[in-house]
Protein backbone atom coordinates (compact mmCIF):
# COMPACT_ATOMS: atom_id res chain seq x y z
CA MET A 1 49.93 48.92 358.23
CA ASP A 2 51.55 46.23 360.28
CA ASP A 3 51.08 42.67 359.00
CA LYS A 4 49.92 41.50 362.45
CA ILE A 5 47.19 44.15 362.41
CA ASN A 6 46.15 43.05 358.92
CA ALA A 7 45.95 39.43 360.07
CA ARG A 8 43.98 40.27 363.23
CA ALA A 9 41.48 42.39 361.28
CA ALA A 10 40.98 39.53 358.81
CA GLU A 11 40.43 37.05 361.67
CA GLN A 12 37.75 39.29 363.20
CA GLY A 13 36.15 40.06 359.84
CA ILE A 14 36.49 43.82 360.27
CA SER A 15 38.43 46.53 358.50
CA ILE A 16 41.86 47.66 359.65
CA ARG A 17 40.35 51.06 360.46
CA GLU A 18 37.73 49.48 362.74
CA LEU A 19 40.40 47.50 364.57
CA THR A 20 42.78 50.42 365.00
CA GLU A 21 39.96 52.75 366.09
CA LYS A 22 39.30 50.45 369.07
CA THR A 23 42.96 50.54 370.07
CA ALA A 24 43.19 54.28 369.52
CA ALA A 25 40.10 54.93 371.67
CA GLN A 26 41.59 52.95 374.56
CA PHE A 27 44.92 54.74 374.16
CA HIS A 28 43.24 58.15 374.21
CA ALA A 29 41.28 57.26 377.35
CA ASP A 30 44.40 55.95 379.11
CA ALA A 31 46.52 58.95 378.12
CA ALA A 32 43.87 61.39 379.35
CA ALA A 33 43.51 59.52 382.65
CA ILE A 34 47.19 59.97 383.48
CA GLY A 35 47.25 63.62 382.46
CA CYS A 36 48.87 63.50 379.01
CA LEU A 37 48.08 66.41 376.73
CA PRO A 38 46.53 65.40 373.39
CA PRO A 39 48.89 65.82 370.42
CA SER A 40 48.31 68.59 367.88
CA VAL A 41 48.42 66.07 365.03
CA GLU A 42 47.86 62.30 365.03
CA PRO A 43 48.73 61.16 361.51
CA ARG A 44 47.59 57.82 360.15
CA ALA A 45 49.76 55.84 357.77
CA THR A 46 46.87 55.01 355.43
CA GLU A 47 46.31 58.74 354.86
CA HIS A 48 49.92 59.41 353.78
CA ILE A 49 50.49 56.99 350.90
CA LYS A 50 51.18 59.88 348.49
CA GLU A 51 53.98 61.14 350.73
CA MET A 52 55.45 57.64 351.05
CA VAL A 53 55.49 57.12 347.29
CA ALA A 54 57.20 60.50 346.85
CA LEU A 55 59.85 59.56 349.44
CA ILE A 56 60.63 56.31 347.63
CA GLU A 57 60.89 58.15 344.31
CA ARG A 58 63.47 60.53 345.82
CA LEU A 59 65.47 57.57 347.13
CA ILE A 60 65.37 55.96 343.69
CA GLU A 61 66.57 59.19 342.06
CA ARG A 62 69.48 59.39 344.52
CA GLY A 63 70.56 55.79 343.92
CA HIS A 64 69.71 54.28 347.29
CA THR A 65 67.31 51.52 346.20
CA TYR A 66 66.90 48.43 344.06
CA ALA A 67 63.93 46.34 342.95
CA ALA A 68 63.60 42.62 343.54
CA GLU A 69 60.60 40.30 343.14
CA GLY A 70 58.05 43.07 343.33
CA HIS A 71 59.76 44.77 346.28
CA VAL A 72 61.58 48.09 346.47
CA LEU A 73 64.43 47.80 348.96
CA PHE A 74 66.79 50.27 350.57
CA ASP A 75 70.41 49.52 349.75
CA VAL A 76 72.21 49.89 353.09
CA ALA A 77 75.61 49.84 351.37
CA SER A 78 74.68 53.09 349.62
CA ASP A 79 74.58 54.98 352.93
CA PRO A 80 78.07 55.47 354.43
CA ASP A 81 76.53 56.79 357.68
CA TYR A 82 74.32 53.76 358.32
CA GLY A 83 74.76 52.69 361.94
CA SER A 84 75.47 56.19 363.27
CA LEU A 85 72.42 56.23 365.55
CA ALA A 86 73.08 52.81 367.08
CA ARG A 87 76.82 53.62 367.07
CA ARG A 88 77.64 50.24 365.60
CA SER A 89 79.23 49.18 362.33
CA VAL A 90 77.19 47.40 359.67
CA ASP A 91 79.17 44.21 360.36
CA GLU A 92 78.31 44.38 364.08
CA MET A 93 74.64 44.98 363.34
CA ARG A 94 74.57 42.22 360.74
CA ALA A 95 76.00 39.73 363.25
CA GLY A 96 73.37 40.46 365.91
CA ALA A 97 70.44 41.38 363.69
CA ARG A 98 66.98 39.88 363.93
CA VAL A 99 65.89 40.83 360.44
CA GLU A 100 64.19 38.93 357.68
CA VAL A 101 66.80 37.24 355.50
CA ALA A 102 64.90 37.00 352.22
CA PRO A 103 66.49 35.43 349.12
CA TYR A 104 65.83 38.56 347.07
CA LYS A 105 67.95 40.78 349.33
CA ARG A 106 71.47 41.68 348.28
CA ASP A 107 72.41 42.07 351.93
CA PRO A 108 70.53 40.83 355.03
CA MET A 109 70.58 44.41 356.36
CA ASP A 110 68.67 45.83 353.38
CA PHE A 111 65.08 46.66 354.30
CA VAL A 112 61.78 46.91 352.48
CA LEU A 113 60.41 50.27 351.37
CA TRP A 114 57.49 48.84 349.37
CA LYS A 115 56.16 45.31 349.10
CA PRO A 116 53.49 43.62 346.96
CA SER A 117 50.01 42.94 348.32
CA THR A 118 47.56 40.22 347.43
CA ALA A 119 43.97 41.04 346.57
CA ALA A 120 43.00 40.15 350.16
CA GLU A 121 45.58 42.51 351.68
CA PRO A 122 45.46 46.30 351.86
CA GLY A 123 47.29 47.91 348.98
CA TRP A 124 47.59 50.85 346.61
CA GLU A 125 48.50 51.17 342.95
CA THR A 126 51.99 52.65 342.49
CA PRO A 127 54.71 52.73 339.81
CA TRP A 128 55.94 49.46 341.36
CA GLY A 129 52.60 47.68 341.27
CA PHE A 130 49.84 47.04 343.79
CA GLY A 131 51.32 46.98 347.27
CA ARG A 132 51.86 48.57 350.67
CA PRO A 133 54.73 50.34 352.45
CA GLY A 134 57.30 48.98 354.86
CA TRP A 135 56.74 50.17 358.44
CA HIS A 136 59.98 52.15 358.63
CA LEU A 137 58.92 54.23 355.64
CA GLU A 138 55.64 55.29 357.24
CA CYS A 139 57.35 57.16 360.07
CA SER A 140 59.81 58.99 357.81
CA ALA A 141 57.08 60.19 355.45
CA MET A 142 54.71 61.39 358.17
CA SER A 143 57.38 63.13 360.26
CA ALA A 144 58.76 64.95 357.22
CA LYS A 145 55.29 66.24 356.32
CA HIS A 146 54.26 67.41 359.78
CA LEU A 147 57.59 68.28 361.45
CA GLY A 148 60.00 68.94 358.59
CA GLU A 149 62.93 67.14 357.01
CA VAL A 150 64.97 67.82 360.18
CA PHE A 151 63.09 68.31 363.45
CA ASP A 152 63.96 68.72 367.12
CA ILE A 153 63.07 65.59 369.11
CA HIS A 154 62.33 61.97 368.17
CA GLY A 155 61.21 59.61 370.95
CA GLY A 156 60.62 55.90 371.33
CA GLY A 157 61.53 52.78 373.24
CA ILE A 158 65.15 51.66 373.59
CA ASP A 159 64.26 48.48 371.68
CA LEU A 160 63.49 50.57 368.57
CA VAL A 161 66.98 52.03 368.15
CA PHE A 162 67.80 49.20 365.77
CA PRO A 163 66.54 48.42 363.25
CA HIS A 164 63.52 50.75 363.21
CA HIS A 165 65.05 54.11 364.10
CA GLU A 166 68.32 53.36 362.31
CA ASN A 167 66.33 52.64 359.16
CA GLU A 168 64.24 55.79 359.61
CA VAL A 169 67.41 57.89 359.79
CA ALA A 170 68.90 56.22 356.71
CA GLN A 171 65.91 56.64 354.42
CA SER A 172 65.15 60.18 355.68
CA THR A 173 68.67 61.61 355.39
CA CYS A 174 69.33 59.91 352.06
CA ALA A 175 66.03 61.13 350.60
CA HIS A 176 66.37 64.71 351.81
CA GLY A 177 70.15 65.10 351.56
CA THR A 178 70.47 66.06 355.24
CA LYS A 179 72.98 64.93 357.86
CA LEU A 180 70.31 64.44 360.52
CA MET A 181 66.70 63.37 360.81
CA ALA A 182 66.25 64.68 364.37
CA ASN A 183 68.51 66.82 366.53
CA ILE A 184 67.77 64.88 369.73
CA TRP A 185 66.81 61.24 370.26
CA MET A 186 65.09 60.29 373.51
CA HIS A 187 64.81 56.55 374.10
CA ASN A 188 62.98 55.28 377.17
CA GLY A 189 64.02 52.16 379.09
CA HIS A 190 62.11 48.91 379.38
CA LEU A 191 59.20 48.42 381.78
CA GLN A 192 59.41 45.55 384.26
CA VAL A 193 56.93 44.34 386.87
CA GLU A 194 58.28 43.25 390.25
CA GLY A 195 61.70 42.64 388.72
CA GLN A 196 60.47 40.61 385.74
CA LYS A 197 59.79 41.47 382.12
CA MET A 198 56.11 42.23 381.65
CA SER A 199 54.41 39.57 379.53
CA LYS A 200 51.05 37.87 379.24
CA SER A 201 52.71 34.46 379.57
CA LEU A 202 54.03 35.38 383.04
CA GLY A 203 50.64 36.67 384.12
CA ASN A 204 52.09 40.06 385.11
CA PHE A 205 50.72 42.07 382.19
CA LEU A 206 49.46 45.43 383.48
CA THR A 207 47.32 48.00 381.72
CA ILE A 208 46.58 51.59 382.65
CA ALA A 209 42.86 50.81 382.61
CA GLY A 210 43.42 48.01 385.11
CA LEU A 211 45.60 50.14 387.38
CA LEU A 212 42.96 52.88 387.40
CA ASP A 213 40.66 50.48 389.23
CA GLU A 214 43.07 50.69 392.16
CA VAL A 215 44.59 54.18 392.13
CA PRO A 216 43.92 57.57 390.52
CA GLY A 217 45.76 58.54 387.37
CA GLU A 218 48.02 60.96 389.26
CA VAL A 219 49.59 58.04 391.14
CA ILE A 220 50.40 56.24 387.89
CA ARG A 221 51.88 59.41 386.37
CA TYR A 222 53.97 60.16 389.46
CA GLN A 223 55.23 56.58 389.65
CA LEU A 224 56.35 56.72 386.02
CA LEU A 225 58.30 59.90 386.81
CA MET A 226 60.10 58.25 389.74
CA ALA A 227 62.57 56.64 387.32
CA HIS A 228 64.70 58.43 384.72
CA TYR A 229 63.13 57.88 381.32
CA ARG A 230 66.33 56.35 379.90
CA GLN A 231 66.55 53.75 382.68
CA PRO A 232 64.49 50.56 383.15
CA LEU A 233 61.36 51.10 385.25
CA ASP A 234 60.50 48.33 387.69
CA TRP A 235 56.79 48.69 388.47
CA THR A 236 56.15 47.39 391.98
CA ALA A 237 53.32 47.62 394.51
CA GLY A 238 55.81 49.18 396.92
CA MET A 239 56.54 51.98 394.45
CA THR A 240 52.81 52.54 394.00
CA GLY A 241 52.49 52.93 397.76
CA GLN A 242 55.38 55.38 397.83
CA ALA A 243 53.82 57.40 395.01
CA LYS A 244 50.45 57.59 396.77
CA GLN A 245 51.98 58.58 400.11
CA ALA A 246 54.18 61.22 398.46
CA LEU A 247 51.21 62.82 396.71
CA VAL A 248 49.27 62.89 399.97
CA LYS A 249 52.23 64.63 401.64
CA PHE A 250 52.53 67.18 398.83
CA SER A 251 48.78 67.71 398.92
CA ARG A 252 49.04 68.78 402.56
CA ALA A 253 51.99 71.06 401.82
CA LEU A 254 49.99 72.90 399.18
CA LYS A 255 47.40 73.81 401.79
CA SER A 256 49.89 76.58 402.62
CA LEU A 257 48.73 78.33 399.45
CA PRO A 258 45.61 80.27 400.51
CA ALA A 259 42.41 79.72 398.55
CA GLY A 260 42.30 82.07 395.61
CA ALA A 261 45.97 82.98 395.91
CA SER A 262 47.96 83.06 392.66
CA ALA A 263 51.16 81.09 392.22
CA THR A 264 52.03 82.91 389.00
CA ASP A 265 54.73 85.14 390.46
CA ALA A 266 56.37 82.36 392.50
CA GLY A 267 57.98 80.68 389.48
CA LEU A 268 59.49 77.21 389.64
CA TYR A 269 61.58 75.84 392.49
CA PRO A 270 65.13 76.44 391.11
CA PRO A 271 66.67 73.03 392.01
CA PHE A 272 63.63 71.33 390.44
CA ALA A 273 64.03 73.29 387.21
CA GLU A 274 67.76 72.60 387.11
CA ALA A 275 67.17 68.85 387.42
CA LEU A 276 64.74 68.87 384.49
CA ARG A 277 67.26 70.77 382.36
CA ASP A 278 69.65 67.86 382.90
CA ASP A 279 68.12 65.43 380.36
CA LEU A 280 64.73 65.47 382.14
CA ASN A 281 66.16 64.03 385.35
CA THR A 282 62.77 63.48 386.98
CA PRO A 283 64.06 61.45 389.98
CA GLU A 284 66.34 64.36 390.91
CA ALA A 285 63.51 66.80 390.30
CA ILE A 286 61.21 64.84 392.61
CA ALA A 287 63.92 64.71 395.27
CA ALA A 288 64.11 68.51 395.03
CA LEU A 289 60.36 68.75 395.58
CA HIS A 290 60.65 66.59 398.70
CA ALA A 291 63.28 69.03 400.01
CA LEU A 292 60.94 71.91 399.18
CA GLU A 293 58.08 70.24 401.07
CA GLU A 294 60.30 69.90 404.15
CA GLU A 295 61.21 73.59 403.86
CA ILE A 296 57.54 74.54 403.66
CA ARG A 297 56.83 72.62 406.86
CA ALA A 298 59.81 74.21 408.61
CA VAL A 299 59.16 77.89 407.92
CA PRO A 300 56.52 79.78 409.91
CA ASP A 301 53.30 80.88 408.28
CA GLY A 302 53.64 83.97 406.17
CA LEU A 303 54.61 85.27 402.76
CA VAL A 304 57.71 83.06 402.53
CA LYS A 305 55.64 79.95 403.14
CA GLN A 306 53.14 81.08 400.49
CA ARG A 307 55.92 81.73 397.99
CA LEU A 308 57.42 78.28 398.54
CA ALA A 309 53.99 76.66 398.25
CA GLY A 310 53.50 78.59 395.00
CA GLN A 311 56.77 77.17 393.66
CA LEU A 312 55.62 73.69 394.65
CA PHE A 313 52.29 74.19 392.86
CA ASN A 314 53.97 75.51 389.70
CA SER A 315 56.50 72.68 389.67
CA PHE A 316 53.78 70.05 389.92
CA ALA A 317 51.78 71.82 387.21
CA LEU A 318 54.80 71.54 384.90
CA LEU A 319 54.82 67.77 385.58
CA GLY A 320 51.15 67.57 384.59
CA LEU A 321 50.10 67.11 388.22
CA GLU A 322 48.36 70.41 388.91
CA GLY A 323 45.55 68.58 390.76
CA VAL A 324 47.83 67.58 393.63
CA ALA A 325 46.44 70.32 395.89
CA ASP A 326 43.21 68.40 396.55
CA PHE A 327 44.63 64.93 395.89
CA GLU A 328 44.12 63.63 399.43
CA GLU A 329 40.45 64.58 399.51
CA ARG A 330 39.75 63.10 396.09
CA LEU A 331 41.69 59.96 396.95
CA HIS A 332 39.54 59.25 399.99
CA ALA A 333 36.31 60.28 398.27
CA SER A 334 36.97 57.92 395.36
CA GLY A 335 37.59 54.93 397.61
CA LYS A 336 40.85 54.31 395.77
CA ALA A 337 42.98 54.87 398.83
CA ARG A 338 43.11 51.10 399.17
CA LEU A 339 46.04 50.02 397.03
CA ALA A 340 46.43 46.64 395.44
CA ILE A 341 48.45 45.37 398.39
CA ASP A 342 49.56 41.77 398.67
CA GLU A 343 48.27 40.92 402.15
CA ALA A 344 50.47 37.83 402.37
CA THR A 345 53.53 40.03 401.80
CA VAL A 346 52.37 42.46 404.49
CA ARG A 347 51.89 39.64 407.01
CA GLU A 348 55.30 38.17 406.14
CA ARG A 349 57.02 41.53 406.68
CA ILE A 350 55.19 42.04 410.00
CA GLU A 351 56.28 38.59 411.21
CA ALA A 352 59.86 39.42 410.20
CA ARG A 353 59.63 42.67 412.15
CA LEU A 354 58.29 40.92 415.25
CA ALA A 355 61.13 38.41 415.00
CA ALA A 356 63.63 41.27 414.79
CA ARG A 357 62.09 42.91 417.85
CA LYS A 358 62.34 39.67 419.84
CA ALA A 359 66.00 39.44 418.83
CA LYS A 360 66.42 43.09 419.93
CA ASN A 361 67.50 43.94 416.40
CA TRP A 362 65.87 47.34 416.56
CA ALA A 363 67.52 48.67 413.40
CA GLU A 364 66.04 45.85 411.31
CA ALA A 365 62.64 46.25 412.95
CA ASP A 366 62.67 49.97 412.13
CA ARG A 367 63.77 49.27 408.57
CA ILE A 368 60.83 46.91 408.01
CA ARG A 369 58.42 49.43 409.51
CA ASP A 370 59.78 52.07 407.10
CA GLU A 371 59.40 49.65 404.22
CA LEU A 372 55.74 49.06 405.09
CA THR A 373 55.16 52.78 405.56
CA ALA A 374 56.45 53.36 402.04
CA MET A 375 53.85 50.83 400.84
CA GLY A 376 51.13 52.88 402.51
CA ILE A 377 50.77 50.57 405.54
CA ALA A 378 50.33 51.93 409.08
CA LEU A 379 51.25 49.59 411.96
CA LYS A 380 49.95 49.58 415.54
CA ASP A 381 51.61 47.49 418.26
CA ALA A 382 49.69 46.40 421.39
CA LYS A 383 50.24 43.80 424.11
CA ASN A 384 47.74 40.94 424.19
CA PRO A 385 46.48 40.88 427.84
CA ALA A 386 45.92 37.13 427.71
CA THR A 387 49.32 36.08 426.36
CA GLY A 388 51.50 39.06 427.13
CA GLU A 389 52.77 38.91 423.54
CA ILE A 390 53.05 41.99 421.33
CA GLU A 391 50.53 41.87 418.48
CA THR A 392 50.60 44.11 415.46
CA THR A 393 47.57 45.31 413.52
CA TRP A 394 47.79 47.17 410.25
CA GLU A 395 45.71 49.41 408.05
CA ILE A 396 46.00 51.58 404.98
CA ALA A 397 47.61 54.76 406.28
CA ARG A 398 45.12 57.54 407.03
CA CYS A 399 42.45 55.88 404.94
CA ALA A 400 40.80 52.88 406.58
CA LYS A 401 39.56 53.00 410.13
CA GLU A 402 39.11 49.28 410.38
CA SER A 403 42.02 46.89 410.92
CA ARG A 404 42.95 44.95 407.80
CA GLY A 405 45.00 42.26 409.51
CA ARG A 406 46.55 40.99 412.69
CA SER A 407 49.82 39.23 413.42
């Protein structure tokens, strides 16, 4: 029940449910396209008002709230553990906080549990009048109902640690009398595009639906796994090329698993499994799979090769990429082998490589070729009979027969 959603629904003359259904439908389509399993439960805040009211009543009983100008607010001073998730003192958080400093608050850090609504805004009748919940409260009430007062894992973006998740912990633990809300917190890093923060104002705003016009969902999923979830992810065309080429390579390796053969008994590749046990270290896990692919190519045909290919298949299945075995064929059949490649960048890198060759800087020339290969670009050098100069043509590796450019 975010105020921005309320305002947007009013502008469009539709209900909040109609507006959120559109967003939810797009989210479901995007999630399915990149291989995410649907959740068992998808609670909606508007369907859990009773639970929210009950949570506030427990906080009132335990002395953690106060009322002011039609609002019910959480009294941060009443929680001695406030700040434990962010690992900062209240004074430190107060100094750097971007929170609403309303005149009715005793402390700027206090946050709204319930607020009044006008007749034009969504609202429900409660002991505190006609109103709606604060957004922190929604998450605490729904998680307690569906997962329990203390549950295993809570996820979210790193930008939500404070104030949202800190406030969730405070109201949940104070209401339930527990020391924890969740046993493990997993916060993912920010997403950047070509080294810059993604924003509509910069014109670099990407969507999954838009990316699917260029590459299959497996490429997007694999590229997301190339960075550790806690670290920033810089989304670049070069990384997309690397992801596509890697999946093609793994697709060929899985041809070592005979048609109809079962990978059940092969298990997971041990170094891959060990990397995932280490805080879901997906970059290390992927590196292990590259080592496994090299081993598959090195061993002669036979039961050992089949066992290793089975481990590769099982490992990719665990990553939600069980379709890798026929990825190369589907990639070419879909016509999505052509990546969104910046042709000007390709030409610039080819010119730089030619300049390095003329200067006999072979190491730099090889480095640039490797860089282009990672982007999914195949180069072909040939001497121009008329000028005697070396010319380089390029194409999408193993996909396009025609030349895409000449330098």
